[in-house]
Protein backbone atom coordinates (compact mmCIF):
# COMPACT_ATOMS: atom_id res chain seq x y z
CA MET A 1 -90.55 -0.31 -92.27
CA TYR A 2 -90.53 1.91 -89.15
CA GLU A 3 -91.17 -1.33 -86.96
CA LEU A 4 -88.12 -2.74 -87.99
CA ASN A 5 -85.93 1.01 -87.88
CA TYR A 6 -86.81 0.62 -83.97
CA VAL A 7 -86.24 -3.05 -83.75
CA ALA A 8 -83.11 -2.64 -85.00
CA ALA A 9 -82.58 0.46 -82.67
CA ALA A 10 -83.89 -1.41 -79.38
CA ALA A 11 -81.51 -4.18 -80.28
CA SER A 12 -78.72 -2.39 -80.45
CA LYS A 13 -79.35 0.06 -77.48
CA ASN A 14 -79.78 -3.35 -75.47
CA ARG A 15 -76.66 -4.42 -76.62
CA LYS A 16 -74.59 -1.10 -75.67
CA THR A 17 -76.34 -1.34 -71.75
CA THR A 18 -75.03 -5.14 -71.68
CA LYS A 19 -71.88 -3.93 -73.06
CA GLU A 20 -71.75 -1.12 -70.28
CA MET A 21 -72.91 -3.81 -67.47
CA GLU A 22 -70.11 -6.22 -68.64
CA ALA A 23 -68.08 -3.44 -68.31
CA VAL A 24 -68.63 -2.30 -64.60
CA ALA A 25 -68.90 -5.98 -63.70
CA LEU A 26 -65.47 -6.86 -64.91
CA VAL A 27 -64.21 -3.51 -63.14
CA ALA A 28 -65.87 -4.68 -60.37
CA LEU A 29 -64.31 -8.26 -60.35
CA THR A 30 -60.99 -6.27 -61.09
CA PHE A 31 -61.34 -4.79 -58.10
CA LEU A 32 -62.01 -7.41 -55.49
CA LEU A 33 -59.71 -9.46 -57.15
CA GLY A 34 -57.13 -6.66 -56.58
CA ALA A 35 -58.43 -6.47 -53.16
CA LEU A 36 -58.24 -9.95 -52.74
CA VAL A 37 -54.97 -10.38 -53.33
CA VAL A 38 -53.45 -7.48 -51.24
CA LEU A 39 -55.54 -9.44 -48.65
CA VAL A 40 -53.64 -12.21 -49.27
CA ALA A 41 -50.30 -10.52 -49.55
CA PHE A 42 -51.01 -8.65 -45.85
CA ALA A 43 -51.72 -11.95 -44.14
CA VAL A 44 -48.46 -13.77 -46.05
CA GLY A 45 -46.36 -10.64 -44.81
CA LYS A 46 -47.89 -10.96 -41.08
CA ARG A 47 -47.15 -14.64 -40.93
CA LYS A 48 -43.72 -13.85 -42.05
CA GLU A 49 -42.82 -11.46 -39.64
CA GLU A 50 -44.82 -13.58 -36.79
CA LEU A 51 -42.01 -16.58 -38.22
CA GLN A 52 -39.53 -14.22 -37.93
CA GLU A 53 -40.14 -13.26 -34.05
CA GLU A 54 -40.90 -16.47 -33.03
CA ALA A 55 -37.47 -17.85 -34.94
CA VAL A 56 -35.10 -14.76 -32.90
CA GLN A 57 -37.33 -15.54 -29.88
CA THR A 58 -36.48 -18.89 -30.05
CA SER A 59 -32.43 -18.37 -30.74
CA VAL A 60 -32.27 -16.13 -27.38
CA CYS A 61 -33.73 -18.57 -25.63
CA ALA A 62 -31.78 -21.18 -26.98
CA GLY A 63 -28.65 -18.81 -26.54
CA ASN A 64 -30.14 -17.92 -22.72
CA ALA A 65 -30.02 -21.90 -21.87
CA ALA A 66 -26.52 -22.08 -23.52
CA LYS A 67 -25.30 -19.20 -21.21
CA GLY A 68 -26.72 -19.89 -18.22
CA PRO A 69 -24.31 -22.90 -17.25
CA MET A 70 -21.62 -20.94 -18.58
CA LEU A 71 -22.30 -17.91 -16.30
CA LYS A 72 -23.21 -20.18 -13.05
CA LYS A 73 -19.92 -21.64 -13.98
CA HIS A 74 -17.84 -19.09 -13.83
CA LYS A 75 -19.57 -17.48 -10.73
CA GLN A 76 -18.50 -21.02 -9.18
CA GLU A 77 -15.32 -20.51 -10.37
CA LYS A 78 -15.03 -17.12 -9.16
CA GLN A 79 -16.68 -18.27 -5.47
CA GLN A 80 -14.12 -20.94 -5.36
CA ARG A 81 -10.97 -18.51 -6.45
CA THR A 82 -12.27 -16.12 -3.35
CA ARG A 83 -12.46 -19.11 -0.69
CA ARG A 84 -9.43 -20.69 -1.85
CA ASP A 85 -7.31 -16.87 -1.49
CA LYS A 86 -9.72 -16.32 1.84
CA SER A 87 -8.55 -19.78 3.34
CA SER A 88 -4.51 -19.90 1.70
CA GLN A 89 -2.01 -18.96 3.38
CA HIS A 90 1.49 -18.04 2.52
CA ASN A 91 3.74 -19.77 4.55
CA PHE A 92 7.46 -18.52 5.18
CA ASN A 93 10.56 -20.34 7.52
CA HIS A 94 13.62 -19.85 8.19
CA PRO A 95 16.24 -20.06 10.99
CA LEU A 96 15.96 -16.29 12.17
CA LEU A 97 12.39 -15.89 11.88
CA ALA A 98 11.87 -15.41 15.40
CA SER A 99 8.09 -15.34 14.85
CA SER A 100 5.19 -14.87 12.30
CA LEU A 101 2.20 -12.26 13.74
CA LYS A 102 -1.13 -13.04 12.01
CA GLY A 103 -4.07 -11.78 13.81
CA HIS A 104 -5.19 -9.73 11.00
CA SER A 105 -7.99 -10.47 8.45
CA GLY A 106 -7.20 -8.04 6.14
CA TYR A 107 -3.62 -7.26 4.44
CA VAL A 108 -1.22 -5.01 6.83
CA THR A 109 -0.44 -1.91 5.04
CA CYS A 110 2.05 -0.20 8.16
CA LEU A 111 3.73 -1.32 11.25
CA ASP A 112 5.70 0.98 14.03
CA PHE A 113 7.74 0.02 17.14
CA SER A 114 6.66 2.45 20.33
CA SER A 115 9.83 4.48 21.94
CA ASN A 116 9.73 2.66 24.52
CA GLY A 117 10.42 -0.97 22.78
CA LYS A 118 7.32 -2.23 24.38
CA TYR A 119 5.01 -2.36 21.75
CA LEU A 120 4.20 -2.90 17.92
CA ALA A 121 1.78 -1.47 16.10
CA SER A 122 0.31 -2.79 12.79
CA CYS A 123 -2.91 -1.62 11.01
CA ALA A 124 -4.85 -3.34 8.03
CA ASP A 125 -7.55 -2.89 5.48
CA ASP A 126 -10.09 -4.54 8.23
CA ARG A 127 -10.60 -1.41 10.21
CA THR A 128 -8.51 -2.56 12.84
CA VAL A 129 -5.09 -1.22 14.63
CA ARG A 130 -3.61 -3.91 16.72
CA ILE A 131 -1.32 -3.50 19.92
CA TRP A 132 1.59 -6.35 19.96
CA SER A 133 4.23 -6.88 22.74
CA THR A 134 7.49 -6.95 21.82
CA LYS A 135 8.06 -9.47 24.61
CA ASP A 136 5.50 -11.98 23.59
CA PHE A 137 7.60 -12.23 19.78
CA LEU A 138 9.42 -15.70 21.13
CA ASP A 139 6.06 -17.14 22.65
CA ARG A 140 3.62 -19.66 20.72
CA GLU A 141 1.17 -16.76 21.48
CA HIS A 142 1.46 -13.62 20.36
CA LYS A 143 -1.16 -11.68 22.13
CA TYR A 144 -2.46 -8.18 20.84
CA LEU A 145 -4.85 -5.01 21.83
CA ARG A 146 -7.05 -3.95 18.73
CA ALA A 147 -8.35 -0.49 18.07
CA ASN A 148 -11.63 -0.18 16.04
CA VAL A 149 -11.82 2.36 13.10
CA GLU A 150 -14.94 3.49 13.00
CA LEU A 151 -16.50 3.76 9.05
CA ASP A 152 -12.71 3.49 7.63
CA HIS A 153 -9.35 1.54 7.92
CA ALA A 154 -6.06 3.19 8.53
CA THR A 155 -2.84 2.92 5.85
CA LEU A 156 -0.48 4.40 8.09
CA VAL A 157 0.25 4.23 11.58
CA ARG A 158 2.65 5.81 13.82
CA PHE A 159 3.19 5.79 17.62
CA SER A 160 3.66 9.14 19.84
CA PRO A 161 7.00 9.86 21.73
CA ASP A 162 5.56 8.84 24.70
CA SER A 163 4.10 5.48 23.97
CA ARG A 164 0.67 6.62 24.80
CA ALA A 165 -0.85 7.25 21.68
CA PHE A 166 -0.63 6.75 17.70
CA ILE A 167 -1.60 8.59 14.90
CA THR A 168 -3.07 6.82 11.95
CA TRP A 169 -4.33 7.89 8.19
CA LEU A 170 -7.74 7.15 7.44
CA ALA A 171 -8.19 5.77 4.17
CA ASN A 172 -11.76 6.86 3.37
CA GLU A 173 -11.45 10.45 5.23
CA ASP A 174 -8.32 11.10 3.36
CA THR A 175 -6.58 12.49 6.79
CA ILE A 176 -5.15 12.18 10.14
CA ARG A 177 -6.91 10.88 13.07
CA ILE A 178 -5.29 10.19 16.38
CA PHE A 179 -5.85 7.91 19.03
CA LYS A 180 -4.89 8.17 23.08
CA MET A 181 -4.37 4.86 24.70
CA ASN A 182 -5.70 4.89 28.17
CA LYS A 183 -4.61 1.91 30.88
CA LYS A 184 -7.75 0.48 32.63
CA ASP A 185 -8.11 -0.15 36.31
CA ASP A 186 -7.64 -3.64 35.32
CA GLY A 187 -4.62 -3.48 33.63
CA THR A 188 -6.17 -3.85 29.90
CA MET A 189 -5.87 -0.72 27.52
CA SER A 190 -8.47 1.36 25.95
CA PHE A 191 -8.57 3.39 22.81
CA LYS A 192 -10.15 6.70 21.99
CA ALA A 193 -10.17 8.75 18.81
CA ALA A 194 -9.52 12.70 18.87
CA ALA A 195 -12.69 14.71 18.80
CA LYS A 196 -12.23 16.33 15.48
CA ASP A 197 -9.69 14.82 12.78
CA PHE A 198 -6.94 16.96 11.10
CA PRO A 199 -8.46 18.75 8.19
CA ILE A 200 -7.66 18.48 4.65
CA LYS A 201 -5.06 20.58 3.25
CA HIS A 202 -3.80 18.57 0.48
CA LYS A 203 -4.53 17.61 -3.46
CA ALA A 204 -2.35 14.38 -3.89
CA ASP A 205 -2.12 11.20 -2.41
CA ILE A 206 -0.45 10.26 0.93
CA LEU A 207 2.65 9.02 1.15
CA ASN A 208 3.73 8.65 4.91
CA ILE A 209 3.28 10.25 8.21
CA GLY A 210 5.53 10.76 11.31
CA ILE A 211 5.92 12.07 14.37
CA ALA A 212 8.87 13.83 16.14
CA GLU A 213 10.86 12.12 18.85
CA THR A 214 10.46 15.55 20.67
CA GLY A 215 6.43 15.89 20.51
CA LYS A 216 6.98 19.42 18.44
CA PHE A 217 5.13 18.72 15.11
CA ILE A 218 3.63 16.25 12.71
CA MET A 219 4.61 15.41 9.46
CA SER A 220 2.68 14.29 6.45
CA ALA A 221 4.21 13.94 2.97
CA TYR A 222 2.10 13.39 -0.36
CA THR A 223 2.86 11.82 -4.02
CA ASP A 224 3.40 15.81 -5.52
CA THR A 225 6.17 17.49 -4.20
CA THR A 226 4.83 18.56 -1.08
CA ILE A 227 5.38 18.12 2.77
CA HIS A 228 3.12 19.75 5.65
CA ILE A 229 4.61 19.99 9.45
CA TRP A 230 1.38 20.05 12.01
CA ASP A 231 0.89 21.02 15.56
CA LEU A 232 -0.35 18.30 17.53
CA LYS A 233 -4.11 20.16 17.11
CA GLY A 234 -3.97 20.25 13.30
CA GLU A 235 -2.99 23.37 12.78
CA ILE A 236 -0.39 23.62 9.91
CA LEU A 237 3.13 25.54 10.96
CA ALA A 238 4.62 24.82 7.48
CA SER A 239 4.39 23.65 4.22
CA ILE A 240 7.66 22.18 1.85
CA ASN A 241 7.94 21.77 -1.58
CA THR A 242 10.37 19.43 -2.58
CA ASN A 243 10.90 20.51 -6.25
CA GLN A 244 11.51 16.97 -6.77
CA MET A 245 8.91 16.15 -9.34
CA THR A 246 7.16 13.65 -7.03
CA ASN A 247 8.30 12.40 -4.08
CA ALA A 248 8.98 8.69 -3.66
CA TYR A 249 9.70 8.47 0.10
CA ALA A 250 10.01 11.03 3.44
CA ALA A 251 10.34 10.58 6.76
CA ILE A 252 11.33 12.46 10.23
CA SER A 253 14.61 11.43 11.61
CA PRO A 254 14.45 9.40 14.59
CA CYS A 255 16.23 12.72 16.92
CA GLY A 256 13.37 14.54 15.97
CA ARG A 257 15.02 17.34 14.15
CA PHE A 258 15.17 16.90 10.68
CA VAL A 259 12.46 15.57 7.93
CA ALA A 260 13.65 14.36 4.62
CA SER A 261 12.43 13.57 1.30
CA CYS A 262 13.54 11.65 -1.81
CA GLY A 263 11.79 11.33 -5.11
CA PHE A 264 12.39 11.39 -9.11
CA THR A 265 15.74 13.21 -8.58
CA PRO A 266 18.92 11.71 -8.00
CA ASP A 267 19.66 13.13 -4.46
CA VAL A 268 17.77 13.31 -0.76
CA LYS A 269 16.78 16.63 0.72
CA VAL A 270 16.85 17.16 4.56
CA TRP A 271 15.42 20.29 6.47
CA GLU A 272 15.55 21.18 9.91
CA VAL A 273 12.53 21.83 11.66
CA CYS A 274 13.24 24.54 14.30
CA PHE A 275 11.73 25.77 17.37
CA THR A 276 12.43 28.78 19.79
CA LYS A 277 14.07 28.09 23.39
CA THR A 278 11.02 28.42 24.75
CA GLY A 279 8.84 25.70 22.23
CA ASP A 280 7.65 27.77 19.72
CA PHE A 281 7.66 27.02 16.16
CA LYS A 282 10.50 28.93 14.31
CA GLU A 283 11.19 27.78 10.80
CA VAL A 284 11.83 25.42 8.26
CA THR A 285 15.51 25.37 6.84
CA ARG A 286 17.44 23.50 4.08
CA ALA A 287 19.78 21.23 6.62
CA PHE A 288 21.90 19.13 3.60
CA GLU A 289 21.48 17.27 0.66
CA LEU A 290 22.61 13.75 -0.15
CA LYS A 291 23.98 14.03 -3.92
CA GLY A 292 26.18 10.96 -5.61
CA HIS A 293 22.82 8.44 -6.92
CA SER A 294 22.73 8.52 -11.25
CA ALA A 295 19.34 7.98 -10.98
CA GLY A 296 16.04 8.65 -8.39
CA VAL A 297 16.29 7.44 -5.29
CA HIS A 298 13.57 4.92 -3.85
CA ALA A 299 13.72 5.29 0.00
CA PHE A 300 16.35 6.34 2.88
CA ALA A 301 17.09 5.79 6.59
CA PHE A 302 18.41 6.81 9.38
CA SER A 303 20.40 6.08 12.38
CA ASN A 304 18.76 6.41 15.74
CA ASP A 305 21.30 9.26 16.47
CA SER A 306 20.83 10.70 12.86
CA HIS A 307 24.72 10.73 12.55
CA LYS A 308 24.25 7.83 9.56
CA MET A 309 22.20 7.54 6.73
CA VAL A 310 21.48 4.55 3.94
CA THR A 311 20.08 5.42 0.66
CA VAL A 312 18.60 2.55 -1.97
CA SER A 313 17.97 3.76 -5.89
CA LYS A 314 17.06 3.04 -9.16
CA ASP A 315 20.62 2.71 -10.06
CA GLY A 316 21.08 0.05 -8.39
CA THR A 317 23.13 0.85 -5.76
CA LEU A 318 22.88 1.42 -1.88
CA LYS A 319 25.04 4.44 -0.39
CA LEU A 320 26.16 4.65 3.39
CA TRP A 321 26.49 8.18 4.89
CA ASN A 322 28.10 10.18 7.65
CA THR A 323 25.70 12.71 8.34
CA ASN A 324 27.52 14.09 11.56
CA VAL A 325 28.47 16.94 10.13
CA GLU A 326 28.47 21.35 10.37
CA TYR A 327 25.94 21.75 7.84
CA LYS A 328 25.30 25.31 9.01
CA LYS A 329 28.83 25.77 7.97
CA GLN A 330 28.05 24.80 4.57
CA GLN A 331 29.86 20.95 5.38
CA ASP A 332 28.34 18.65 3.27
CA PRO A 333 27.76 14.80 4.16
CA TYR A 334 30.11 12.73 2.65
CA LEU A 335 30.51 8.86 1.32
CA LEU A 336 31.46 6.32 3.15
CA LYS A 337 30.38 3.48 1.01
CA THR A 338 28.87 2.49 -2.05
CA VAL A 339 27.17 -1.33 -2.06
CA LYS A 340 25.46 -2.73 -5.39
CA CYS A 341 22.23 -3.93 -4.52
CA SER A 342 18.62 -5.50 -5.95
CA SER A 343 16.11 -2.49 -5.79
CA SER A 344 12.64 -1.95 -7.59
CA ASN A 345 9.97 0.72 -7.14
CA GLY A 346 8.51 0.49 -3.52
CA SER A 347 11.75 -0.89 -2.35
CA LEU A 348 12.29 0.28 1.29
CA ALA A 349 15.66 1.06 3.52
CA ALA A 350 16.45 0.29 7.52
CA MET A 351 18.79 1.29 9.75
CA SER A 352 19.92 -0.23 12.95
CA PRO A 353 19.67 2.18 15.23
CA ASP A 354 23.20 1.76 16.13
CA GLY A 355 23.86 2.21 12.75
CA ARG A 356 25.49 -0.92 12.13
CA VAL A 357 22.71 -3.10 10.05
CA VAL A 358 21.10 -1.88 6.81
CA ALA A 359 18.13 -3.55 5.57
CA ILE A 360 16.51 -3.19 1.78
CA SER A 361 13.81 -4.74 0.76
CA ASP A 362 12.79 -5.77 -3.04
CA GLY A 363 9.70 -6.80 -3.74
CA CYS A 364 8.74 -9.69 -1.44
CA ASN A 365 12.35 -10.08 -0.43
CA VAL A 366 14.55 -8.66 2.07
CA THR A 367 18.20 -8.41 1.98
CA MET A 368 20.46 -7.08 5.52
CA TYR A 369 24.34 -5.86 4.64
CA ASP A 370 27.09 -4.98 7.23
CA ALA A 371 26.90 -1.46 7.27
CA SER A 372 30.40 -0.92 7.99
CA SER A 373 31.76 -3.31 5.45
CA GLY A 374 29.26 -3.34 2.82
CA GLU A 375 29.01 -7.38 2.95
CA LEU A 376 25.69 -8.70 2.44
CA GLU A 377 25.11 -10.78 5.78
CA GLU A 378 21.19 -12.05 5.11
CA GLN A 379 18.79 -13.02 2.64
CA PHE A 380 15.45 -13.22 3.14
CA LEU A 381 13.10 -14.65 0.10
CA ALA A 382 9.45 -14.72 -0.56
CA VAL A 383 9.23 -13.28 2.52
CA HIS A 384 5.45 -12.28 1.79
CA SER A 385 3.01 -13.32 -0.89
CA LEU A 386 2.73 -9.79 -2.18
CA GLN A 387 5.21 -6.91 -2.25
CA ILE A 388 6.62 -5.42 1.05
CA GLU A 389 4.68 -2.65 2.52
CA ASP A 390 6.93 -1.42 5.74
CA LEU A 391 10.42 -2.37 6.89
CA ARG A 392 11.33 -1.15 10.63
CA PHE A 393 13.95 -2.02 13.19
CA ASP A 394 12.73 -2.26 16.87
CA THR A 395 14.01 0.60 18.91
CA THR A 396 16.44 -1.70 20.99
CA GLY A 397 18.06 -2.98 17.13
CA ARG A 398 17.11 -6.82 18.44
CA TYR A 399 14.80 -7.38 15.84
CA LEU A 400 13.51 -6.81 12.10
CA ALA A 401 9.95 -6.43 11.22
CA CYS A 402 8.28 -6.16 7.64
CA CYS A 403 4.64 -6.90 6.62
CA GLY A 404 3.75 -7.47 3.05
CA ASP A 405 -0.03 -9.60 2.83
CA LYS A 406 -1.79 -10.42 6.31
CA ALA A 407 1.20 -11.87 8.31
CA ILE A 408 4.14 -9.32 9.94
CA ARG A 409 7.40 -11.53 10.10
CA VAL A 410 9.58 -10.61 12.75
CA PHE A 411 13.27 -11.45 12.55
CA HIS A 412 16.01 -11.62 14.57
CA ASN A 413 18.71 -9.61 14.18
CA ALA A 414 22.02 -11.91 13.59
CA PRO A 415 23.68 -9.54 11.50
CA GLY A 416 23.42 -6.54 14.20
CA TYR A 417 25.01 -9.22 16.91
CA ARG A 418 27.71 -9.89 14.38
CA ALA A 419 28.69 -6.76 13.82
CA THR A 420 28.76 -6.20 17.42
CA ILE A 421 31.35 -8.70 18.42
CA ARG A 422 33.60 -8.19 15.80
CA ASP A 423 33.63 -4.25 16.82
CA MET A 424 34.10 -5.15 20.29
CA GLN A 425 37.21 -7.85 19.17
CA ASP A 426 38.73 -4.95 16.97
CA MET A 427 38.33 -2.89 20.63
CA LEU A 428 39.92 -5.91 22.49
CA LYS A 429 43.02 -5.79 20.45
CA LYS A 430 43.33 -2.12 21.22
CA ALA A 431 42.42 -2.27 24.81
CA GLN A 432 45.76 -1.59 27.04
CA ASN A 433 44.02 -1.43 30.28
CA GLU A 434 43.12 -5.01 32.20
CA ALA A 435 39.95 -4.28 33.32
CA MET A 436 38.59 -2.86 29.76
CA LYS A 437 40.06 -6.15 28.23
CA GLN A 438 37.96 -8.27 30.82
CA ARG A 439 34.84 -5.89 29.93
CA LEU A 440 35.31 -6.86 26.78
CA LYS A 441 35.62 -10.18 26.67
CA GLN A 442 32.70 -10.94 28.82
CA GLN A 443 30.42 -8.95 26.75
CA ILE A 444 31.96 -10.58 23.42
CA SER A 445 31.00 -13.98 25.62
CA GLU A 446 27.55 -12.95 26.45
CA ALA A 447 26.79 -11.72 23.00
CA GLN A 448 27.59 -14.73 21.20
CA ARG A 449 25.96 -16.72 23.68
CA ALA A 450 22.66 -15.01 22.50
CA LEU A 451 23.75 -15.26 18.88
CA ASP A 452 24.04 -18.99 19.44
CA ALA A 453 20.64 -19.36 21.00
CA MET A 454 18.57 -17.31 18.43
CA LEU A 455 20.40 -19.29 15.65
CA ALA A 456 19.08 -22.36 17.33
CA ALA A 457 15.56 -21.52 18.89
CA PRO A 458 12.67 -22.89 17.22
CA VAL A 459 10.50 -21.12 14.41
CA LEU A 460 6.91 -20.13 16.50
């Protein structure tokens, strides 16, 4: 009995041990299966990431492969446009075109005639100032002298009164630099920049510069309301606040006495720069104003003696004024004529030295008017491919020059000859002296022959 109980107990204990071992084995198997599942999941996830990365790289490569020819095509088109722009030239012809000066490789921004009538100076963004001989205007070849602007380029150029120097406005240095013209033993010219440029005394962009015909001062005007009056050594003599909100144009009168400005307001303000009898600077005083436009004034111009002025405005008119008045006695200039004209921002005005002809630019076009009658005399359309940057008569009144791209157009002043002939014919009717009549008839005949010759001359 005892043995049977012992055997039963042993058997029970063995079953219990077997169950425990089975349980341990089951736990181990479960753990192993869980670890295997985790490993499989990790491997699958890793592979998925690799496949996604490969897909992205494939997509990027495909995109770059597609974009490559496109970028290359755009680059080629840009290069072709650049080559076309560089090689193409704006062609212009007109019976009154005396010559086209095409020496610059950059865009011409300013020009000026010397007071002795021998030279035309021009500056461009090709880092040069070129001096042209006016006697070559009617020749097939147009020679020039070249002054290099070191490490910069000039945007404005103006001759000195003695025609032996010129001043420039430097684009990068943003100041005035003087160049002296020296004649060598072989007859050629050399150009030497002054040792020091003018100091920077402004905040706004430059608008215009000029040298008084008296040689006593230099003017610089800016797009805010500032005008500086300098001596020739670069010291400021006076500063003018034009009180016009913004300046649109400013210039020195050809006689060298006045400085004038126009801008946002519908008037032109004129100051006299006064010096003592010994030549010392005295003061700048308000001389007179031109009032009558109904909108801002784009530009203005003087006759050579400053006895007449022309103004062109946003109101679509040009006005001719008699400024030969005793302004010190409070006498105001008076209006001679108002003429409808086409103008826009950037329009310029020029008046022939004798005051007989007015020229107005509007974009790429130039229109010439008789100053006495206000009649339209000539219209030149699409003179340049870009907006006209400068417009000037030469000191003899024979030519009108303008610039607006890489070329300078020089026109015969045929309206000036016609106006001269009309004036002399009127004088002939009133002449009572026979000698005077003969002299006027001869002058009329000579002017008519000159006019006929310029109209018949081929354009070079």
